[in-house]
Amino acid sequence: MMSSTSKSNQEIAKKIKLNPNTKHQWKVEQQTRNWLELPSNIMTDILFRIGAKDMLQNAQKVCTTWRKICKDPSICRVLHVDGSTQSYQEPLSMTFKHAVDKSQGQLIDLTMVNFDDDRLLTYVADRSSQLRRLEVACCDGQLYISMLKCFKKFSLLGELSLHSTVLSGRIVEKLGRYCPLLKILKGNERPDTYWHEDWVEDETAVAIGDELPGLTHLELIGNNMSNYGLKAILDGCSHLELLDLRGCFYIELKGAIRKRCKKIKCFKMPRDSLEGCPYIFEDSATERWLQKFRVPCKREGK
């Protein structure tokens, strides 16, 4: 009779390959997998991660499978376009417009970084009424005027994130009028390293309290509001679950207003660390010192 050990060895031999040159050593057969057999949803995720430019210009040339996926309008439902990746923005603008066209009105999530061309956002507004999320970073210039005109076409917008891009009282008023589903608002700036009492600005905060009562998530990093503006927000936005006031150094969290802030589920105080904030960096011990203690601004003649 065959011993149990021999049977076991035969079963193992079916899975691995015996090296005939060396006794009692086994060489495992290397199993390869055809990456073209990956599920379509995984392939789509891979293509999304390479960015709109490479996806539209290069990926579809790799193979028939990728070309088929790239032709699907749903591949362009989420777009992230960074103008800093190219020396001349005109060709990238053309690629961006091509991606918007390819989405066939299905674009729901758009991130624009380092773009000054206000025509691009207008191009989106004219073709993508389904937009749910808009993130704009490092895009000053004429884009501000474009945003004021485009919000009336983004009635389904639920999240707006502005980083190093102006968030003004006028923008907030447009959001309140045309974007009733807005729940998340981020208006983040790098905090000033100098301060002066004349730089206090409560217009945006007051507008938020008046126009956006449905907000649940509000970030205003580096905002120059005072306690007056903060009170307007707390009075008007009673559903807040997150309030981020890091870098808001004109606020004095004392007494009743401090207690009200502490009742919010996730509350970040003015002097909390900025680590992890996109587009805002604590790149030196000196910068952290300035943000913690503030340096008064000395004006000429004073």
C-alpha atoms as a PDB file:
ATOM      1  CA  MET A   1       0.000   0.000   0.000  1.00  0.00           C
ATOM      2  CA  MET A   2       1.071   3.569  -0.710  1.00  0.00           C
ATOM      3  CA  SER A   3       1.951   5.398   2.457  1.00  0.00           C
ATOM      4  CA  SER A   4       0.137   8.569   3.419  1.00  0.00           C
ATOM      5  CA  THR A   5       3.412  10.455   3.014  1.00  0.00           C
ATOM      6  CA  SER A   6       3.756   9.320  -0.610  1.00  0.00           C
ATOM      7  CA  LYS A   7       0.190  10.312  -1.369  1.00  0.00           C
ATOM      8  CA  SER A   8       0.827  13.710   0.160  1.00  0.00           C
ATOM      9  CA  ASN A   9       3.945  14.177  -1.944  1.00  0.00           C
ATOM     10  CA  GLN A  10       2.051  13.262  -5.107  1.00  0.00           C
ATOM     11  CA  GLU A  11      -0.640  15.807  -4.322  1.00  0.00           C
ATOM     12  CA  ILE A  12       1.988  18.471  -3.751  1.00  0.00           C
ATOM     13  CA  ALA A  13       3.707  17.472  -6.988  1.00  0.00           C
ATOM     14  CA  LYS A  14       0.583  18.378  -8.904  1.00  0.00           C
ATOM     15  CA  LYS A  15       0.886  21.956  -7.680  1.00  0.00           C
ATOM     16  CA  ILE A  16       4.644  22.433  -7.710  1.00  0.00           C
ATOM     17  CA  LYS A  17       7.455  21.303  -9.925  1.00  0.00           C
ATOM     18  CA  LEU A  18      10.263  19.006  -8.754  1.00  0.00           C
ATOM     19  CA  ASN A  19      13.768  20.187  -9.490  1.00  0.00           C
ATOM     20  CA  PRO A  20      15.471  17.013 -10.830  1.00  0.00           C
ATOM     21  CA  ASN A  21      18.978  18.274 -10.116  1.00  0.00           C
ATOM     22  CA  THR A  22      18.580  18.665  -6.386  1.00  0.00           C
ATOM     23  CA  LYS A  23      17.005  16.079  -4.136  1.00  0.00           C
ATOM     24  CA  HIS A  24      14.302  17.190  -1.746  1.00  0.00           C
ATOM     25  CA  GLN A  25      14.157  20.706  -3.185  1.00  0.00           C
ATOM     26  CA  TRP A  26      11.026  22.015  -4.776  1.00  0.00           C
ATOM     27  CA  LYS A  27      10.576  24.806  -7.247  1.00  0.00           C
ATOM     28  CA  VAL A  28       7.235  26.546  -7.236  1.00  0.00           C
ATOM     29  CA  GLU A  29       5.835  27.176 -10.703  1.00  0.00           C
ATOM     30  CA  GLN A  30       5.348  30.860 -11.336  1.00  0.00           C
ATOM     31  CA  GLN A  31       1.773  31.634 -12.166  1.00  0.00           C
ATOM     32  CA  THR A  32       1.174  34.598 -14.437  1.00  0.00           C
ATOM     33  CA  ARG A  33      -2.075  36.478 -14.854  1.00  0.00           C
ATOM     34  CA  ASN A  34      -3.165  38.316 -17.928  1.00  0.00           C
ATOM     35  CA  TRP A  35      -3.875  41.876 -16.799  1.00  0.00           C
ATOM     36  CA  LEU A  36      -6.410  42.165 -19.604  1.00  0.00           C
ATOM     37  CA  GLU A  37      -8.564  39.741 -17.622  1.00  0.00           C
ATOM     38  CA  LEU A  38      -8.980  42.219 -14.761  1.00  0.00           C
ATOM     39  CA  PRO A  39     -12.592  43.206 -14.057  1.00  0.00           C
ATOM     40  CA  SER A  40     -13.683  46.282 -16.001  1.00  0.00           C
ATOM     41  CA  ASN A  41     -14.336  48.305 -12.831  1.00  0.00           C
ATOM     42  CA  ILE A  42     -10.721  47.787 -11.701  1.00  0.00           C
ATOM     43  CA  MET A  43      -9.412  48.748 -15.128  1.00  0.00           C
ATOM     44  CA  THR A  44     -11.558  51.860 -15.075  1.00  0.00           C
ATOM     45  CA  ASP A  45     -10.114  52.791 -11.678  1.00  0.00           C
ATOM     46  CA  ILE A  46      -6.569  52.317 -13.008  1.00  0.00           C
ATOM     47  CA  LEU A  47      -7.263  54.539 -15.997  1.00  0.00           C
ATOM     48  CA  PHE A  48      -8.829  57.206 -13.810  1.00  0.00           C
ATOM     49  CA  ARG A  49      -5.679  57.385 -11.672  1.00  0.00           C
ATOM     50  CA  ILE A  50      -3.399  58.200 -14.604  1.00  0.00           C
ATOM     51  CA  GLY A  51      -5.199  61.497 -15.204  1.00  0.00           C
ATOM     52  CA  ALA A  52      -7.415  62.926 -17.916  1.00  0.00           C
ATOM     53  CA  LYS A  53      -4.567  63.898 -20.247  1.00  0.00           C
ATOM     54  CA  ASP A  54      -2.885  60.474 -20.416  1.00  0.00           C
ATOM     55  CA  MET A  55      -6.221  58.683 -20.387  1.00  0.00           C
ATOM     56  CA  LEU A  56      -7.470  60.557 -23.440  1.00  0.00           C
ATOM     57  CA  GLN A  57      -4.226  60.894 -25.370  1.00  0.00           C
ATOM     58  CA  ASN A  58      -2.229  57.753 -24.598  1.00  0.00           C
ATOM     59  CA  ALA A  59      -4.073  55.021 -22.687  1.00  0.00           C
ATOM     60  CA  GLN A  60      -6.577  54.290 -25.432  1.00  0.00           C
ATOM     61  CA  LYS A  61      -3.675  53.446 -27.760  1.00  0.00           C
ATOM     62  CA  VAL A  62      -2.425  50.620 -25.520  1.00  0.00           C
ATOM     63  CA  CYS A  63      -4.934  47.937 -26.434  1.00  0.00           C
ATOM     64  CA  THR A  64      -8.460  47.326 -27.682  1.00  0.00           C
ATOM     65  CA  THR A  65      -9.798  46.786 -24.167  1.00  0.00           C
ATOM     66  CA  TRP A  66      -8.499  50.106 -22.881  1.00  0.00           C
ATOM     67  CA  ARG A  67      -9.702  51.869 -26.006  1.00  0.00           C
ATOM     68  CA  LYS A  68     -13.199  50.496 -25.412  1.00  0.00           C
ATOM     69  CA  ILE A  69     -13.187  51.656 -21.781  1.00  0.00           C
ATOM     70  CA  CYS A  70     -11.878  55.108 -22.740  1.00  0.00           C
ATOM     71  CA  LYS A  71     -14.777  55.544 -25.157  1.00  0.00           C
ATOM     72  CA  ASP A  72     -17.316  55.026 -22.373  1.00  0.00           C
ATOM     73  CA  PRO A  73     -18.708  58.447 -21.278  1.00  0.00           C
ATOM     74  CA  SER A  74     -18.711  57.318 -17.638  1.00  0.00           C
ATOM     75  CA  ILE A  75     -14.893  57.291 -17.634  1.00  0.00           C
ATOM     76  CA  CYS A  76     -15.060  61.109 -17.630  1.00  0.00           C
ATOM     77  CA  ARG A  77     -17.607  61.511 -14.848  1.00  0.00           C
ATOM     78  CA  VAL A  78     -14.732  62.506 -12.528  1.00  0.00           C
ATOM     79  CA  LEU A  79     -12.021  64.829 -13.852  1.00  0.00           C
ATOM     80  CA  HIS A  80      -8.862  66.169 -12.200  1.00  0.00           C
ATOM     81  CA  VAL A  81      -6.910  68.643 -14.319  1.00  0.00           C
ATOM     82  CA  ASP A  82      -3.703  70.341 -13.153  1.00  0.00           C
ATOM     83  CA  GLY A  83      -2.418  73.217 -15.276  1.00  0.00           C
ATOM     84  CA  SER A  84       1.003  73.144 -13.596  1.00  0.00           C
ATOM     85  CA  THR A  85       1.886  69.875 -15.348  1.00  0.00           C
ATOM     86  CA  GLN A  86       2.306  71.601 -18.705  1.00  0.00           C
ATOM     87  CA  SER A  87       4.323  74.606 -19.839  1.00  0.00           C
ATOM     88  CA  TYR A  88       1.683  75.857 -22.226  1.00  0.00           C
ATOM     89  CA  GLN A  89      -1.915  75.671 -21.038  1.00  0.00           C
ATOM     90  CA  GLU A  90      -3.617  75.879 -24.427  1.00  0.00           C
ATOM     91  CA  PRO A  91      -3.082  72.194 -25.424  1.00  0.00           C
ATOM     92  CA  LEU A  92      -4.170  71.078 -21.942  1.00  0.00           C
ATOM     93  CA  SER A  93      -7.246  73.276 -22.239  1.00  0.00           C
ATOM     94  CA  MET A  94      -8.137  71.464 -25.440  1.00  0.00           C
ATOM     95  CA  THR A  95      -7.704  68.111 -23.695  1.00  0.00           C
ATOM     96  CA  PHE A  96      -9.899  69.313 -20.843  1.00  0.00           C
ATOM     97  CA  LYS A  97     -12.667  70.362 -23.237  1.00  0.00           C
ATOM     98  CA  HIS A  98     -12.396  67.025 -25.019  1.00  0.00           C
ATOM     99  CA  ALA A  99     -12.895  65.218 -21.699  1.00  0.00           C
ATOM    100  CA  VAL A 100     -15.944  67.346 -20.880  1.00  0.00           C
ATOM    101  CA  ASP A 101     -17.415  66.565 -24.305  1.00  0.00           C
ATOM    102  CA  LYS A 102     -16.695  62.866 -23.871  1.00  0.00           C
ATOM    103  CA  SER A 103     -18.632  62.815 -20.581  1.00  0.00           C
ATOM    104  CA  GLN A 104     -21.806  63.666 -22.545  1.00  0.00           C
ATOM    105  CA  GLY A 105     -23.232  65.659 -19.666  1.00  0.00           C
ATOM    106  CA  GLN A 106     -22.392  63.010 -17.023  1.00  0.00           C
ATOM    107  CA  LEU A 107     -19.599  64.999 -15.316  1.00  0.00           C
ATOM    108  CA  ILE A 108     -20.320  65.026 -11.579  1.00  0.00           C
ATOM    109  CA  ASP A 109     -16.926  65.730  -9.958  1.00  0.00           C
ATOM    110  CA  LEU A 110     -14.414  68.309 -11.198  1.00  0.00           C
ATOM    111  CA  THR A 111     -11.060  69.406  -9.766  1.00  0.00           C
ATOM    112  CA  MET A 112      -9.191  72.298 -11.397  1.00  0.00           C
ATOM    113  CA  VAL A 113      -5.698  73.241 -10.189  1.00  0.00           C
ATOM    114  CA  ASN A 114      -3.530  76.115 -11.437  1.00  0.00           C
ATOM    115  CA  PHE A 115      -5.861  77.339 -14.169  1.00  0.00           C
ATOM    116  CA  ASP A 116      -6.403  81.004 -15.013  1.00  0.00           C
ATOM    117  CA  ASP A 117      -8.603  80.457 -18.066  1.00  0.00           C
ATOM    118  CA  ASP A 118     -12.127  81.416 -17.020  1.00  0.00           C
ATOM    119  CA  ARG A 119     -13.503  79.957 -20.259  1.00  0.00           C
ATOM    120  CA  LEU A 120     -12.973  76.414 -18.986  1.00  0.00           C
ATOM    121  CA  LEU A 121     -15.444  76.662 -16.122  1.00  0.00           C
ATOM    122  CA  THR A 122     -17.950  78.333 -18.439  1.00  0.00           C
ATOM    123  CA  TYR A 123     -17.427  75.465 -20.882  1.00  0.00           C
ATOM    124  CA  VAL A 124     -18.326  73.014 -18.114  1.00  0.00           C
ATOM    125  CA  ALA A 125     -21.375  74.995 -16.997  1.00  0.00           C
ATOM    126  CA  ASP A 126     -22.790  75.005 -20.524  1.00  0.00           C
ATOM    127  CA  ARG A 127     -22.475  71.211 -20.856  1.00  0.00           C
ATOM    128  CA  SER A 128     -22.595  69.617 -17.389  1.00  0.00           C
ATOM    129  CA  SER A 129     -25.682  70.438 -15.350  1.00  0.00           C
ATOM    130  CA  GLN A 130     -25.174  67.289 -13.226  1.00  0.00           C
ATOM    131  CA  LEU A 131     -22.085  68.577 -11.387  1.00  0.00           C
ATOM    132  CA  ARG A 132     -22.154  67.583  -7.696  1.00  0.00           C
ATOM    133  CA  ARG A 133     -18.654  68.503  -6.560  1.00  0.00           C
ATOM    134  CA  LEU A 134     -16.324  71.311  -7.625  1.00  0.00           C
ATOM    135  CA  GLU A 135     -12.794  71.851  -6.313  1.00  0.00           C
ATOM    136  CA  VAL A 136     -10.745  74.828  -7.463  1.00  0.00           C
ATOM    137  CA  ALA A 137      -7.176  75.379  -6.243  1.00  0.00           C
ATOM    138  CA  CYS A 138      -4.685  78.143  -6.978  1.00  0.00           C
ATOM    139  CA  CYS A 139      -6.944  79.637  -9.646  1.00  0.00           C
ATOM    140  CA  ASP A 140      -7.258  83.377  -9.190  1.00  0.00           C
ATOM    141  CA  GLY A 141      -7.550  85.860 -12.039  1.00  0.00           C
ATOM    142  CA  GLN A 142     -10.651  85.877 -14.196  1.00  0.00           C
ATOM    143  CA  LEU A 143     -11.926  82.559 -12.836  1.00  0.00           C
ATOM    144  CA  TYR A 144     -13.570  84.456  -9.976  1.00  0.00           C
ATOM    145  CA  ILE A 145     -15.868  86.306 -12.390  1.00  0.00           C
ATOM    146  CA  SER A 146     -16.606  83.056 -14.188  1.00  0.00           C
ATOM    147  CA  MET A 147     -17.696  81.367 -10.950  1.00  0.00           C
ATOM    148  CA  LEU A 148     -20.164  84.144 -10.213  1.00  0.00           C
ATOM    149  CA  LYS A 149     -21.844  83.480 -13.555  1.00  0.00           C
ATOM    150  CA  CYS A 150     -21.719  79.674 -13.512  1.00  0.00           C
ATOM    151  CA  PHE A 151     -23.299  78.739 -10.183  1.00  0.00           C
ATOM    152  CA  LYS A 152     -26.810  79.274 -11.513  1.00  0.00           C
ATOM    153  CA  LYS A 153     -26.185  76.265 -13.782  1.00  0.00           C
ATOM    154  CA  PHE A 154     -24.907  74.051 -10.937  1.00  0.00           C
ATOM    155  CA  SER A 155     -28.188  73.531  -9.084  1.00  0.00           C
ATOM    156  CA  LEU A 156     -27.152  70.017  -7.947  1.00  0.00           C
ATOM    157  CA  LEU A 157     -23.846  71.137  -6.411  1.00  0.00           C
ATOM    158  CA  GLY A 158     -23.357  69.588  -2.977  1.00  0.00           C
ATOM    159  CA  GLU A 159     -19.701  70.456  -2.324  1.00  0.00           C
ATOM    160  CA  LEU A 160     -17.538  73.444  -3.204  1.00  0.00           C
ATOM    161  CA  SER A 161     -13.850  73.516  -2.257  1.00  0.00           C
ATOM    162  CA  LEU A 162     -11.774  76.630  -2.884  1.00  0.00           C
ATOM    163  CA  HIS A 163      -8.073  76.528  -1.976  1.00  0.00           C
ATOM    164  CA  SER A 164      -5.955  79.663  -2.418  1.00  0.00           C
ATOM    165  CA  THR A 165      -8.861  80.911  -4.507  1.00  0.00           C
ATOM    166  CA  VAL A 166     -11.108  83.787  -3.482  1.00  0.00           C
ATOM    167  CA  LEU A 167     -14.229  82.973  -1.455  1.00  0.00           C
ATOM    168  CA  SER A 168     -16.175  86.214  -1.165  1.00  0.00           C
ATOM    169  CA  GLY A 169     -19.533  87.339   0.110  1.00  0.00           C
ATOM    170  CA  ARG A 170     -20.722  87.641  -3.508  1.00  0.00           C
ATOM    171  CA  ILE A 171     -19.871  84.011  -4.215  1.00  0.00           C
ATOM    172  CA  VAL A 172     -21.692  82.920  -1.065  1.00  0.00           C
ATOM    173  CA  GLU A 173     -24.769  84.885  -2.125  1.00  0.00           C
ATOM    174  CA  LYS A 174     -24.789  83.123  -5.502  1.00  0.00           C
ATOM    175  CA  LEU A 175     -24.436  79.747  -3.779  1.00  0.00           C
ATOM    176  CA  GLY A 176     -27.362  80.512  -1.513  1.00  0.00           C
ATOM    177  CA  ARG A 177     -29.521  81.516  -4.452  1.00  0.00           C
ATOM    178  CA  TYR A 178     -28.667  78.787  -6.970  1.00  0.00           C
ATOM    179  CA  CYS A 179     -27.245  75.791  -5.039  1.00  0.00           C
ATOM    180  CA  PRO A 180     -29.864  74.657  -2.490  1.00  0.00           C
ATOM    181  CA  LEU A 181     -28.235  71.223  -2.030  1.00  0.00           C
ATOM    182  CA  LEU A 182     -24.863  72.586  -0.893  1.00  0.00           C
ATOM    183  CA  LYS A 183     -23.727  70.852   2.314  1.00  0.00           C
ATOM    184  CA  ILE A 184     -19.937  71.177   2.200  1.00  0.00           C
ATOM    185  CA  LEU A 185     -18.084  74.468   1.757  1.00  0.00           C
ATOM    186  CA  LYS A 186     -14.314  74.892   1.966  1.00  0.00           C
ATOM    187  CA  GLY A 187     -12.699  78.298   1.561  1.00  0.00           C
ATOM    188  CA  ASN A 188      -9.107  77.785   2.652  1.00  0.00           C
ATOM    189  CA  GLU A 189      -6.178  80.194   2.406  1.00  0.00           C
ATOM    190  CA  ARG A 190      -2.636  80.183   3.730  1.00  0.00           C
ATOM    191  CA  PRO A 191      -2.806  82.180   6.994  1.00  0.00           C
ATOM    192  CA  ASP A 192      -1.088  85.568   6.960  1.00  0.00           C
ATOM    193  CA  THR A 193       2.183  85.746   8.879  1.00  0.00           C
ATOM    194  CA  TYR A 194       1.408  89.354   9.818  1.00  0.00           C
ATOM    195  CA  TRP A 195      -1.762  90.849  11.203  1.00  0.00           C
ATOM    196  CA  HIS A 196      -3.369  94.225  11.635  1.00  0.00           C
ATOM    197  CA  GLU A 197      -6.742  95.169  13.065  1.00  0.00           C
ATOM    198  CA  ASP A 198      -7.696  96.854   9.769  1.00  0.00           C
ATOM    199  CA  TRP A 199      -7.467  93.499   7.999  1.00  0.00           C
ATOM    200  CA  VAL A 200     -10.437  91.990   9.831  1.00  0.00           C
ATOM    201  CA  GLU A 201     -13.077  90.958   7.281  1.00  0.00           C
ATOM    202  CA  ASP A 202     -16.462  89.571   8.312  1.00  0.00           C
ATOM    203  CA  GLU A 203     -18.383  89.953   5.053  1.00  0.00           C
ATOM    204  CA  THR A 204     -17.883  86.357   3.902  1.00  0.00           C
ATOM    205  CA  ALA A 205     -18.666  84.850   7.308  1.00  0.00           C
ATOM    206  CA  VAL A 206     -21.832  86.927   7.692  1.00  0.00           C
ATOM    207  CA  ALA A 207     -22.952  85.938   4.188  1.00  0.00           C
ATOM    208  CA  ILE A 208     -22.440  82.259   5.042  1.00  0.00           C
ATOM    209  CA  GLY A 209     -24.610  82.606   8.127  1.00  0.00           C
ATOM    210  CA  ASP A 210     -27.321  84.399   6.164  1.00  0.00           C
ATOM    211  CA  GLU A 211     -27.331  82.406   2.914  1.00  0.00           C
ATOM    212  CA  LEU A 212     -26.237  78.829   3.697  1.00  0.00           C
ATOM    213  CA  PRO A 213     -28.225  77.481   6.669  1.00  0.00           C
ATOM    214  CA  GLY A 214     -28.033  73.890   5.400  1.00  0.00           C
ATOM    215  CA  LEU A 215     -24.252  73.508   5.674  1.00  0.00           C
ATOM    216  CA  THR A 216     -22.961  70.518   7.637  1.00  0.00           C
ATOM    217  CA  HIS A 217     -19.241  70.910   6.837  1.00  0.00           C
ATOM    218  CA  LEU A 218     -17.466  74.285   6.797  1.00  0.00           C
ATOM    219  CA  GLU A 219     -13.735  74.966   6.458  1.00  0.00           C
ATOM    220  CA  LEU A 220     -12.458  78.546   6.549  1.00  0.00           C
ATOM    221  CA  ILE A 221      -8.730  78.069   7.144  1.00  0.00           C
ATOM    222  CA  GLY A 222      -6.834  81.374   7.203  1.00  0.00           C
ATOM    223  CA  ASN A 223      -9.990  83.510   7.162  1.00  0.00           C
ATOM    224  CA  ASN A 224      -9.746  87.014   8.679  1.00  0.00           C
ATOM    225  CA  MET A 225     -13.130  86.966  10.402  1.00  0.00           C
ATOM    226  CA  SER A 226     -13.597  88.237  13.940  1.00  0.00           C
ATOM    227  CA  ASN A 227     -15.914  86.957  16.655  1.00  0.00           C
ATOM    228  CA  TYR A 228     -18.698  88.917  14.966  1.00  0.00           C
ATOM    229  CA  GLY A 229     -18.400  86.816  11.806  1.00  0.00           C
ATOM    230  CA  LEU A 230     -18.086  83.590  13.777  1.00  0.00           C
ATOM    231  CA  LYS A 231     -21.245  84.379  15.722  1.00  0.00           C
ATOM    232  CA  ALA A 232     -23.099  84.971  12.442  1.00  0.00           C
ATOM    233  CA  ILE A 233     -22.048  81.502  11.272  1.00  0.00           C
ATOM    234  CA  LEU A 234     -23.065  79.812  14.520  1.00  0.00           C
ATOM    235  CA  ASP A 235     -26.425  81.604  14.500  1.00  0.00           C
ATOM    236  CA  GLY A 236     -27.213  80.811  10.868  1.00  0.00           C
ATOM    237  CA  CYS A 237     -25.715  77.339  10.347  1.00  0.00           C
ATOM    238  CA  SER A 238     -27.287  75.232  13.076  1.00  0.00           C
ATOM    239  CA  HIS A 239     -26.604  71.889  11.356  1.00  0.00           C
ATOM    240  CA  LEU A 240     -22.805  72.096  11.343  1.00  0.00           C
ATOM    241  CA  GLU A 241     -21.037  68.829  12.162  1.00  0.00           C
ATOM    242  CA  LEU A 242     -17.556  70.090  11.226  1.00  0.00           C
ATOM    243  CA  LEU A 243     -16.153  73.598  11.612  1.00  0.00           C
ATOM    244  CA  ASP A 244     -12.493  74.224  10.777  1.00  0.00           C
ATOM    245  CA  LEU A 245     -11.133  77.584  11.961  1.00  0.00           C
ATOM    246  CA  ARG A 246      -7.412  76.840  11.777  1.00  0.00           C
ATOM    247  CA  GLY A 247      -5.398  79.951  11.035  1.00  0.00           C
ATOM    248  CA  CYS A 248      -8.310  82.274  11.904  1.00  0.00           C
ATOM    249  CA  PHE A 249      -6.206  84.356  14.269  1.00  0.00           C
ATOM    250  CA  TYR A 250      -8.570  87.311  14.637  1.00  0.00           C
ATOM    251  CA  ILE A 251     -10.990  85.137  16.616  1.00  0.00           C
ATOM    252  CA  GLU A 252     -10.856  85.062  20.417  1.00  0.00           C
ATOM    253  CA  LEU A 253     -12.404  81.837  21.638  1.00  0.00           C
ATOM    254  CA  LYS A 254     -13.594  82.783  25.091  1.00  0.00           C
ATOM    255  CA  GLY A 255     -16.726  82.426  27.139  1.00  0.00           C
ATOM    256  CA  ALA A 256     -20.052  81.671  25.470  1.00  0.00           C
ATOM    257  CA  ILE A 257     -18.773  81.580  21.892  1.00  0.00           C
ATOM    258  CA  ARG A 258     -16.134  79.017  22.838  1.00  0.00           C
ATOM    259  CA  LYS A 259     -18.784  76.825  24.462  1.00  0.00           C
ATOM    260  CA  ARG A 260     -20.932  76.992  21.333  1.00  0.00           C
ATOM    261  CA  CYS A 261     -18.012  75.935  19.142  1.00  0.00           C
ATOM    262  CA  LYS A 262     -17.151  73.044  21.434  1.00  0.00           C
ATOM    263  CA  LYS A 263     -20.640  71.602  20.934  1.00  0.00           C
ATOM    264  CA  ILE A 264     -19.897  70.985  17.255  1.00  0.00           C
ATOM    265  CA  LYS A 265     -18.984  67.341  16.648  1.00  0.00           C
ATOM    266  CA  CYS A 266     -15.661  68.116  14.930  1.00  0.00           C
ATOM    267  CA  PHE A 267     -14.216  71.520  15.767  1.00  0.00           C
ATOM    268  CA  LYS A 268     -10.700  72.664  14.848  1.00  0.00           C
ATOM    269  CA  MET A 269      -9.313  75.666  16.675  1.00  0.00           C
ATOM    270  CA  PRO A 270      -7.286  78.551  15.188  1.00  0.00           C
ATOM    271  CA  ARG A 271      -3.934  77.305  16.496  1.00  0.00           C
ATOM    272  CA  ASP A 272      -4.391  73.635  15.621  1.00  0.00           C
ATOM    273  CA  SER A 273      -1.759  72.226  13.264  1.00  0.00           C
ATOM    274  CA  LEU A 274      -2.188  72.705   9.521  1.00  0.00           C
ATOM    275  CA  GLU A 275      -0.568  69.368   8.790  1.00  0.00           C
ATOM    276  CA  GLY A 276      -2.415  67.480   6.075  1.00  0.00           C
ATOM    277  CA  CYS A 277      -4.145  70.511   4.551  1.00  0.00           C
ATOM    278  CA  PRO A 278      -4.012  70.350   0.748  1.00  0.00           C
ATOM    279  CA  TYR A 279      -2.237  73.282  -0.893  1.00  0.00           C
ATOM    280  CA  ILE A 280      -1.282  74.718   2.531  1.00  0.00           C
ATOM    281  CA  PHE A 281       2.114  73.789   3.942  1.00  0.00           C
ATOM    282  CA  GLU A 282       3.952  74.169   7.233  1.00  0.00           C
ATOM    283  CA  ASP A 283       7.380  73.911   5.683  1.00  0.00           C
ATOM    284  CA  SER A 284       9.606  75.246   8.454  1.00  0.00           C
ATOM    285  CA  ALA A 285       9.842  75.709  12.190  1.00  0.00           C
ATOM    286  CA  THR A 286       9.840  79.475  11.605  1.00  0.00           C
ATOM    287  CA  GLU A 287       6.531  79.339   9.763  1.00  0.00           C
ATOM    288  CA  ARG A 288       4.960  77.323  12.560  1.00  0.00           C
ATOM    289  CA  TRP A 289       6.254  79.850  15.085  1.00  0.00           C
ATOM    290  CA  LEU A 290       4.766  82.748  13.115  1.00  0.00           C
ATOM    291  CA  GLN A 291       1.405  81.016  12.824  1.00  0.00           C
ATOM    292  CA  LYS A 292       1.335  80.308  16.529  1.00  0.00           C
ATOM    293  CA  PHE A 293       2.356  83.657  17.949  1.00  0.00           C
ATOM    294  CA  ARG A 294       1.624  86.111  15.090  1.00  0.00           C
ATOM    295  CA  VAL A 295       3.812  89.047  14.135  1.00  0.00           C
ATOM    296  CA  PRO A 296       2.149  92.493  14.260  1.00  0.00           C
ATOM    297  CA  CYS A 297       2.395  94.512  11.072  1.00  0.00           C
ATOM    298  CA  LYS A 298       4.226  97.832  11.450  1.00  0.00           C
ATOM    299  CA  ARG A 299       2.808 100.447   9.143  1.00  0.00           C
ATOM    300  CA  GLU A 300       4.808 103.396   7.857  1.00  0.00           C
ATOM    301  CA  GLY A 301       4.462 106.462   9.999  1.00  0.00           C
ATOM    302  CA  LYS A 302       3.308 104.517  13.065  1.00  0.00           C
END
